[in-house]
Every structure is written in C-alpha cells, then in structure tokens.
Amino acid sequence: MARLVQCVPNFSEGRNKETIEKIVEEIRKVDEVKLLDYSMDKDHNRTVVTFVGEPEKVILAAFNACKVAADLIDMRYHSGGHPRMGATDVIPLIPISDVTMEECVEYSIQLGKRIGEELNIPVFLYERSARVKERENLADIRKGQYEGMAEKLKQKEWEPDFGPKNLNEKAGVTAVGARPPLIAFNVNLGTDNLEIAKKIATVVRARTGGFTYCKAIGLEIKERGIVQVSMNMVDYTKTSLFRVFDTIEREARRYGVNVIGSEIIGLVPMQALVDVADYYLRLENFDSSQILEKRIFE
C-alpha cells in the first residue's frame, strides 16, 4: 500500500483567482502529489486546498505553496468573514495510508521549522503536534486574529514554536499540525441577524456544552444577506452531521428562522454522507458495500 498523507492548507484569499492559481500551481508541480480540490469563498475571503501524496513530497508542496502565498498575499489589507491570522493560515497533515499519526507529527515539525526559518514567519504547532495543551485548539491560537497577533506574540506563553518572535506584518502567522480527518460543514440561516447564528453556534459547539466533536462559530455572509453557523466536525464517526444539523434546525425555529441550506467545504469522507442518508431515509439493513461506486473502485 502506498504511503499517503493528506494536506488541507487554508489560504487567506478567496476573491483573486489569479493569486490562488499561482499558489495551487506550486502543488501541481510536485511529482507524486495529487491535487484533489480547491474551494474559493468570497465572503470568507479564504481558499481551502486539498492534496495528497507521499509524505516528503507533500511537505515540499505545502512549503512551496506557503512561500508563494507569503509573496502574493498581504495580510495588512485582508478582510473577510472567517477568522484568520496569516496568508497561509493553517496547514494540517492527515495520515491516510501506511503512515501513522506520530509520523505526521514529525513531518509537521519539519515543515513548521522550515517555514519559520526560511520564510521568516512565526509558526505555531497545533492539534496532535502541539507541545503544550493550550495550543492544541486552533481557535485558541488564532484568538485575536491577525490584528491582535503583534501584541499576542509579546506574551511569553505565546512565543512561537518556530520562526521570529515578532509578527511578520505581510504574511502574518501560520499554524502547522497533524490531525485526524475533519469535515468543514456550514449551515445557512434565512436571516441577517448575526446574534442568532452566534447563539446557535454556542448550543452546538463542544466548548460551550454542545457536541463533543463540533467546533462552531456564527458568521455573516454579507453578499447573500444571511448568516451561517460555520463548523469543523473533528470526528464525524462520533458526532454525526445529521445530529448537529437537526439541532441547528430546531434551534433556528425557536427564533422563527429557517435553515435555507448547508454546504461542505473541500472533501468529505463517503461514510459521513452514507450515515446521513441512512438516518434520513431510515434504511433497513443498509451496508456501505451496497454503494455502486465503492464496489467498482474496490
């Protein structure tokens, strides 16, 4: 079996397609790396890229993309709906086949060290790569966002793991780490009242008493005149999409608001959607081996 690692870097640019194409081209150039998907979001002003390949080649592609992003994206002029702290905001590495989580941690350390030293960008290790518990959660690292990072980096407890101790004003700060697969799942509400989205996010997210494997925030989608509960489902096998969706729908009704749609950013494990179909269709004795495409590919 091939040794495969997935990488899902998030870049703080979702409006300039030419810029994103130049960043993505650095990934395409690397042999034994396969670009699977990239998704630009104008409201969030953010692009999520997904690629997979042999571990050493993946971290090379990630470094090259980060370098181009640092050249082309100036965080001093960035604005968007999604929290962010750097041109390359976050680079997660996910073990796919014949690679352990521990190995991905080591690869993330190699990548973070190179970004810090060669690109002069402060780097934090997060999730499984974090050296202290306070840095496991990306939201804790990113708190204050780009605008608050210069002061945050002055605090001893927030000294970067790699790179300079001062903010790179143009490229910002980058988080690098190893983690399990997650699903970026957003639910759109038929209202422009941001407080409603924030209240519902409080109900479903783990840190405020919600679902254990759900991270959630309320965001405004100005272009559409709506708000959104934006989530990272960090373990869909233990906190399912349908259970969180149902809760959001019920909570929205309390405020006289409808759910008008949902979206998945980037790629999603097939089983997560099979679980949704199984739940809503009330399938009896269904098995994923009944999926035509799965049987063909096997």
Protein backbone atom coordinates (compact mmCIF):
# COMPACT_ATOMS: atom_id res chain seq x y z
CA MET A 1 0.00 0.00 0.00
CA ALA A 2 1.25 3.49 -0.87
CA ARG A 3 2.35 5.82 1.91
CA LEU A 4 -0.11 8.70 1.67
CA VAL A 5 -0.60 11.90 3.63
CA GLN A 6 -3.38 14.39 3.01
CA CYS A 7 -2.76 18.12 3.35
CA VAL A 8 -5.50 20.76 3.58
CA PRO A 9 -3.91 24.22 3.74
CA ASN A 10 -6.15 27.27 4.15
CA PHE A 11 -5.08 30.48 2.41
CA SER A 12 -6.38 33.96 3.25
CA GLU A 13 -7.51 34.78 -0.26
CA GLY A 14 -10.85 33.86 -1.81
CA ARG A 15 -11.51 36.63 -4.32
CA ASN A 16 -8.47 36.84 -6.58
CA LYS A 17 -8.45 33.70 -8.73
CA GLU A 18 -5.12 34.58 -10.34
CA THR A 19 -3.42 34.62 -6.93
CA ILE A 20 -4.92 31.28 -5.94
CA GLU A 21 -3.96 29.70 -9.27
CA LYS A 22 -0.34 30.70 -8.71
CA ILE A 23 -0.39 29.16 -5.23
CA VAL A 24 -2.10 25.98 -6.39
CA GLU A 25 0.33 25.64 -9.31
CA GLU A 26 3.14 25.10 -6.80
CA ILE A 27 1.30 21.99 -5.62
CA ARG A 28 0.66 20.74 -9.15
CA LYS A 29 4.37 21.00 -9.96
CA VAL A 30 5.44 18.42 -7.38
CA ASP A 31 5.68 14.84 -8.67
CA GLU A 32 3.82 12.15 -6.70
CA VAL A 33 1.41 14.75 -5.31
CA LYS A 34 -2.20 14.81 -6.48
CA LEU A 35 -4.29 17.99 -6.21
CA LEU A 36 -7.79 16.81 -5.27
CA ASP A 37 -9.75 20.01 -4.77
CA TYR A 38 -9.67 23.71 -4.03
CA SER A 39 -12.58 25.87 -3.00
CA MET A 40 -12.63 29.69 -3.01
CA ASP A 41 -15.07 31.56 -0.77
CA LYS A 42 -15.56 35.27 -1.49
CA ASP A 43 -17.41 36.05 1.73
CA HIS A 44 -14.87 34.29 3.93
CA ASN A 45 -12.09 35.56 1.61
CA ARG A 46 -10.46 32.19 2.05
CA THR A 47 -9.47 29.19 -0.06
CA VAL A 48 -9.25 25.62 1.16
CA VAL A 49 -6.96 23.33 -0.87
CA THR A 50 -6.81 19.54 -0.60
CA PHE A 51 -3.98 17.40 -1.95
CA VAL A 52 -2.49 14.01 -1.18
CA GLY A 53 0.76 12.20 -1.82
CA GLU A 54 3.94 10.65 -0.49
CA PRO A 55 4.79 12.40 2.82
CA GLU A 56 8.10 14.07 1.87
CA LYS A 57 6.59 15.34 -1.39
CA VAL A 58 3.51 16.64 0.41
CA ILE A 59 5.52 18.76 2.83
CA LEU A 60 7.59 20.08 -0.09
CA ALA A 61 4.41 21.10 -1.94
CA ALA A 62 3.00 22.67 1.21
CA PHE A 63 6.17 24.69 1.79
CA ASN A 64 6.29 25.91 -1.82
CA ALA A 65 2.62 26.95 -1.70
CA CYS A 66 3.18 28.76 1.59
CA LYS A 67 6.14 30.60 0.11
CA VAL A 68 4.13 31.87 -2.86
CA ALA A 69 1.23 32.82 -0.60
CA ALA A 70 3.62 34.88 1.54
CA ASP A 71 4.77 36.69 -1.61
CA LEU A 72 1.31 37.36 -3.05
CA ILE A 73 -0.99 37.90 -0.04
CA ASP A 74 -0.61 40.97 2.17
CA MET A 75 -2.44 40.48 5.46
CA ARG A 76 -2.32 44.21 6.18
CA TYR A 77 -5.09 44.65 3.62
CA HIS A 78 -7.04 41.45 4.21
CA SER A 79 -10.67 41.35 5.32
CA GLY A 80 -13.17 38.51 5.37
CA GLY A 81 -15.80 36.73 7.39
CA HIS A 82 -13.66 33.83 8.61
CA PRO A 83 -11.18 34.16 11.50
CA ARG A 84 -7.61 34.26 10.19
CA MET A 85 -4.09 35.12 11.27
CA GLY A 86 -1.86 34.54 8.24
CA ALA A 87 -1.55 34.42 4.46
CA THR A 88 -1.22 30.66 4.88
CA ASP A 89 -3.48 30.44 7.89
CA VAL A 90 -3.19 26.77 8.75
CA ILE A 91 -1.56 23.63 7.31
CA PRO A 92 -2.93 20.33 8.66
CA LEU A 93 -1.37 16.96 7.80
CA ILE A 94 -3.65 13.91 7.93
CA PRO A 95 -2.46 10.28 7.76
CA ILE A 96 -4.27 8.36 5.01
CA SER A 97 -2.48 5.06 4.39
CA ASP A 98 0.62 3.33 5.78
CA VAL A 99 1.55 6.46 7.75
CA THR A 100 0.96 6.88 11.48
CA MET A 101 -0.24 9.96 13.30
CA GLU A 102 3.11 10.07 15.09
CA GLU A 103 4.90 10.23 11.74
CA CYS A 104 2.61 13.06 10.64
CA VAL A 105 3.56 14.92 13.81
CA GLU A 106 7.24 14.61 12.85
CA TYR A 107 6.51 15.79 9.30
CA SER A 108 4.59 18.78 10.66
CA ILE A 109 7.58 19.71 12.84
CA GLN A 110 9.87 19.55 9.80
CA LEU A 111 7.50 21.71 7.79
CA GLY A 112 6.89 24.23 10.56
CA LYS A 113 10.62 24.61 11.23
CA ARG A 114 11.36 25.25 7.56
CA ILE A 115 8.56 27.82 7.22
CA GLY A 116 9.75 29.62 10.33
CA GLU A 117 13.43 29.68 9.41
CA GLU A 118 13.31 30.18 5.65
CA LEU A 119 10.21 32.35 5.25
CA ASN A 120 10.61 34.32 8.48
CA ILE A 121 7.01 33.53 9.54
CA PRO A 122 6.07 32.77 13.17
CA VAL A 123 4.75 29.19 13.34
CA PHE A 124 2.63 27.52 15.99
CA LEU A 125 2.29 23.74 16.23
CA TYR A 126 -1.31 22.71 16.92
CA GLU A 127 -3.60 19.68 17.38
CA ARG A 128 -1.58 16.44 17.81
CA SER A 129 1.67 18.34 17.14
CA ALA A 130 1.17 20.85 19.96
CA ARG A 131 3.91 20.84 22.57
CA VAL A 132 1.64 22.32 25.24
CA LYS A 133 -2.06 21.63 25.80
CA GLU A 134 -3.03 25.30 25.39
CA ARG A 135 -2.05 25.11 21.72
CA GLU A 136 -4.00 22.01 20.74
CA ASN A 137 -7.07 24.02 19.74
CA LEU A 138 -6.55 26.17 16.65
CA ALA A 139 -9.18 28.64 17.85
CA ASP A 140 -7.06 29.39 20.95
CA ILE A 141 -4.00 30.09 18.81
CA ARG A 142 -5.96 32.23 16.37
CA LYS A 143 -7.82 34.20 19.06
CA GLY A 144 -7.26 37.90 18.42
CA GLN A 145 -6.77 37.15 14.72
CA TYR A 146 -4.15 38.90 12.59
CA GLU A 147 -4.90 42.30 14.10
CA GLY A 148 -4.10 41.06 17.62
CA MET A 149 -1.08 38.90 16.81
CA ALA A 150 1.61 41.55 17.23
CA GLU A 151 0.68 42.02 20.89
CA LYS A 152 -0.08 38.34 21.46
CA LEU A 153 3.39 37.28 20.33
CA LYS A 154 4.91 39.50 23.01
CA GLN A 155 3.42 37.28 25.70
CA LYS A 156 5.84 34.60 26.88
CA GLU A 157 3.17 31.90 26.78
CA TRP A 158 2.57 32.68 23.10
CA GLU A 159 6.14 32.59 21.89
CA PRO A 160 6.06 30.78 18.50
CA ASP A 161 7.41 27.25 18.17
CA PHE A 162 9.45 28.29 15.13
CA GLY A 163 10.42 31.46 13.33
CA PRO A 164 10.68 35.03 14.58
CA LYS A 165 9.14 36.16 17.85
CA ASN A 166 7.67 39.20 16.16
CA LEU A 167 4.77 39.33 13.70
CA ASN A 168 5.54 39.08 10.01
CA GLU A 169 3.34 42.03 9.06
CA LYS A 170 2.82 40.92 5.48
CA ALA A 171 2.44 37.15 5.89
CA GLY A 172 1.13 37.03 9.45
CA VAL A 173 1.33 33.79 11.44
CA THR A 174 0.88 30.16 10.37
CA ALA A 175 -0.29 27.09 12.32
CA VAL A 176 1.02 23.65 11.31
CA GLY A 177 -0.04 20.34 12.79
CA ALA A 178 -1.12 16.73 12.43
CA ARG A 179 -4.76 15.81 12.95
CA PRO A 180 -7.43 13.25 12.04
CA PRO A 181 -9.77 13.98 9.09
CA LEU A 182 -12.38 16.66 9.73
CA ILE A 183 -15.36 17.96 7.80
CA ALA A 184 -15.86 21.69 7.23
CA PHE A 185 -19.65 21.91 7.42
CA ASN A 186 -21.68 25.13 7.27
CA VAL A 187 -25.42 25.64 7.79
CA ASN A 188 -27.02 28.77 6.31
CA LEU A 189 -29.90 30.55 8.04
CA GLY A 190 -32.62 32.65 6.43
CA THR A 191 -31.85 35.78 8.42
CA ASP A 192 -29.24 38.53 8.57
CA ASN A 193 -29.27 38.54 12.37
CA LEU A 194 -25.74 37.52 13.34
CA GLU A 195 -26.68 37.16 17.01
CA ILE A 196 -28.98 34.24 16.16
CA ALA A 197 -26.13 32.39 14.39
CA LYS A 198 -23.81 33.04 17.33
CA LYS A 199 -26.37 31.77 19.84
CA ILE A 200 -26.95 28.59 17.84
CA ALA A 201 -23.18 28.06 17.49
CA THR A 202 -22.96 28.26 21.28
CA VAL A 203 -25.54 25.48 21.58
CA VAL A 204 -23.78 23.02 19.24
CA ARG A 205 -20.08 23.58 19.90
CA ALA A 206 -18.20 21.42 22.36
CA ARG A 207 -16.57 24.19 24.37
CA THR A 208 -19.93 25.63 25.42
CA GLY A 209 -21.68 22.38 26.25
CA GLY A 210 -22.66 21.14 22.79
CA PHE A 211 -21.46 18.18 20.77
CA THR A 212 -18.07 16.82 21.80
CA TYR A 213 -16.52 16.80 18.33
CA CYS A 214 -18.01 20.00 16.94
CA LYS A 215 -16.35 23.42 16.71
CA ALA A 216 -18.72 26.20 15.67
CA ILE A 217 -18.92 29.96 15.18
CA GLY A 218 -21.56 32.32 13.79
CA LEU A 219 -20.59 34.23 10.65
CA GLU A 220 -22.18 36.87 8.45
CA ILE A 221 -22.46 36.23 4.69
CA LYS A 222 -22.91 39.84 3.58
CA GLU A 223 -23.08 39.14 -0.15
CA ARG A 224 -26.18 36.97 0.36
CA GLY A 225 -27.68 38.93 3.24
CA ILE A 226 -27.71 35.86 5.52
CA VAL A 227 -25.81 34.38 8.44
CA GLN A 228 -24.20 31.00 8.89
CA VAL A 229 -23.25 28.51 11.56
CA SER A 230 -19.76 27.56 10.39
CA MET A 231 -18.37 24.32 11.82
CA ASN A 232 -15.45 21.96 11.89
CA MET A 233 -16.62 18.42 12.63
CA VAL A 234 -13.43 16.97 14.03
CA ASP A 235 -14.66 13.37 14.32
CA TYR A 236 -17.75 12.60 12.23
CA THR A 237 -17.80 9.00 13.48
CA LYS A 238 -18.62 10.23 16.99
CA THR A 239 -20.55 13.42 16.25
CA SER A 240 -22.57 12.95 13.06
CA LEU A 241 -23.54 15.64 10.59
CA PHE A 242 -27.23 14.80 10.77
CA ARG A 243 -27.39 15.11 14.56
CA VAL A 244 -25.82 18.57 14.53
CA PHE A 245 -27.94 19.64 11.55
CA ASP A 246 -31.13 18.58 13.36
CA THR A 247 -30.16 20.56 16.43
CA ILE A 248 -29.40 23.69 14.42
CA GLU A 249 -32.75 23.37 12.63
CA ARG A 250 -34.63 23.05 15.93
CA GLU A 251 -32.77 25.96 17.49
CA ALA A 252 -33.40 28.15 14.42
CA ARG A 253 -37.15 27.51 14.69
CA ARG A 254 -37.06 28.94 18.23
CA TYR A 255 -36.12 32.28 16.66
CA GLY A 256 -38.62 31.99 13.80
CA VAL A 257 -35.82 31.31 11.32
CA ASN A 258 -35.49 28.62 8.64
CA VAL A 259 -32.42 26.68 7.58
CA ILE A 260 -32.08 27.53 3.89
CA GLY A 261 -29.18 25.24 3.03
CA SER A 262 -25.90 23.74 4.06
CA GLU A 263 -22.51 23.29 2.45
CA ILE A 264 -19.40 21.19 2.76
CA ILE A 265 -16.09 22.93 2.12
CA GLY A 266 -13.46 20.77 0.48
CA LEU A 267 -13.74 16.98 0.50
CA VAL A 268 -15.78 14.71 2.74
CA PRO A 269 -15.40 11.03 3.68
CA MET A 270 -18.06 8.97 1.91
CA GLN A 271 -19.16 7.29 5.13
CA ALA A 272 -20.21 10.63 6.61
CA LEU A 273 -22.78 11.09 3.83
CA VAL A 274 -23.83 7.44 3.96
CA ASP A 275 -24.63 7.98 7.64
CA VAL A 276 -26.80 10.99 6.73
CA ALA A 277 -28.69 9.01 4.07
CA ASP A 278 -29.15 6.09 6.44
CA TYR A 279 -30.61 8.38 9.11
CA TYR A 280 -33.00 10.45 6.98
CA LEU A 281 -34.15 7.61 4.70
CA ARG A 282 -34.47 5.20 7.65
CA LEU A 283 -32.77 2.49 5.63
CA GLU A 284 -33.10 -1.01 6.98
CA ASN A 285 -30.09 -3.35 6.99
CA PHE A 286 -28.14 -0.99 4.73
CA ASP A 287 -24.42 -1.55 4.30
CA SER A 288 -21.90 0.73 2.60
CA SER A 289 -20.87 -2.21 0.41
CA GLN A 290 -24.13 -1.61 -1.46
CA ILE A 291 -22.75 1.64 -2.89
CA LEU A 292 -22.12 1.05 -6.58
CA GLU A 293 -19.04 3.26 -6.93
CA LYS A 294 -17.41 1.77 -3.86
CA ARG A 295 -17.75 -1.74 -5.21
CA ILE A 296 -16.38 -0.66 -8.61
CA PHE A 297 -13.32 1.06 -7.14
CA GLU A 298 -12.62 -1.88 -4.83
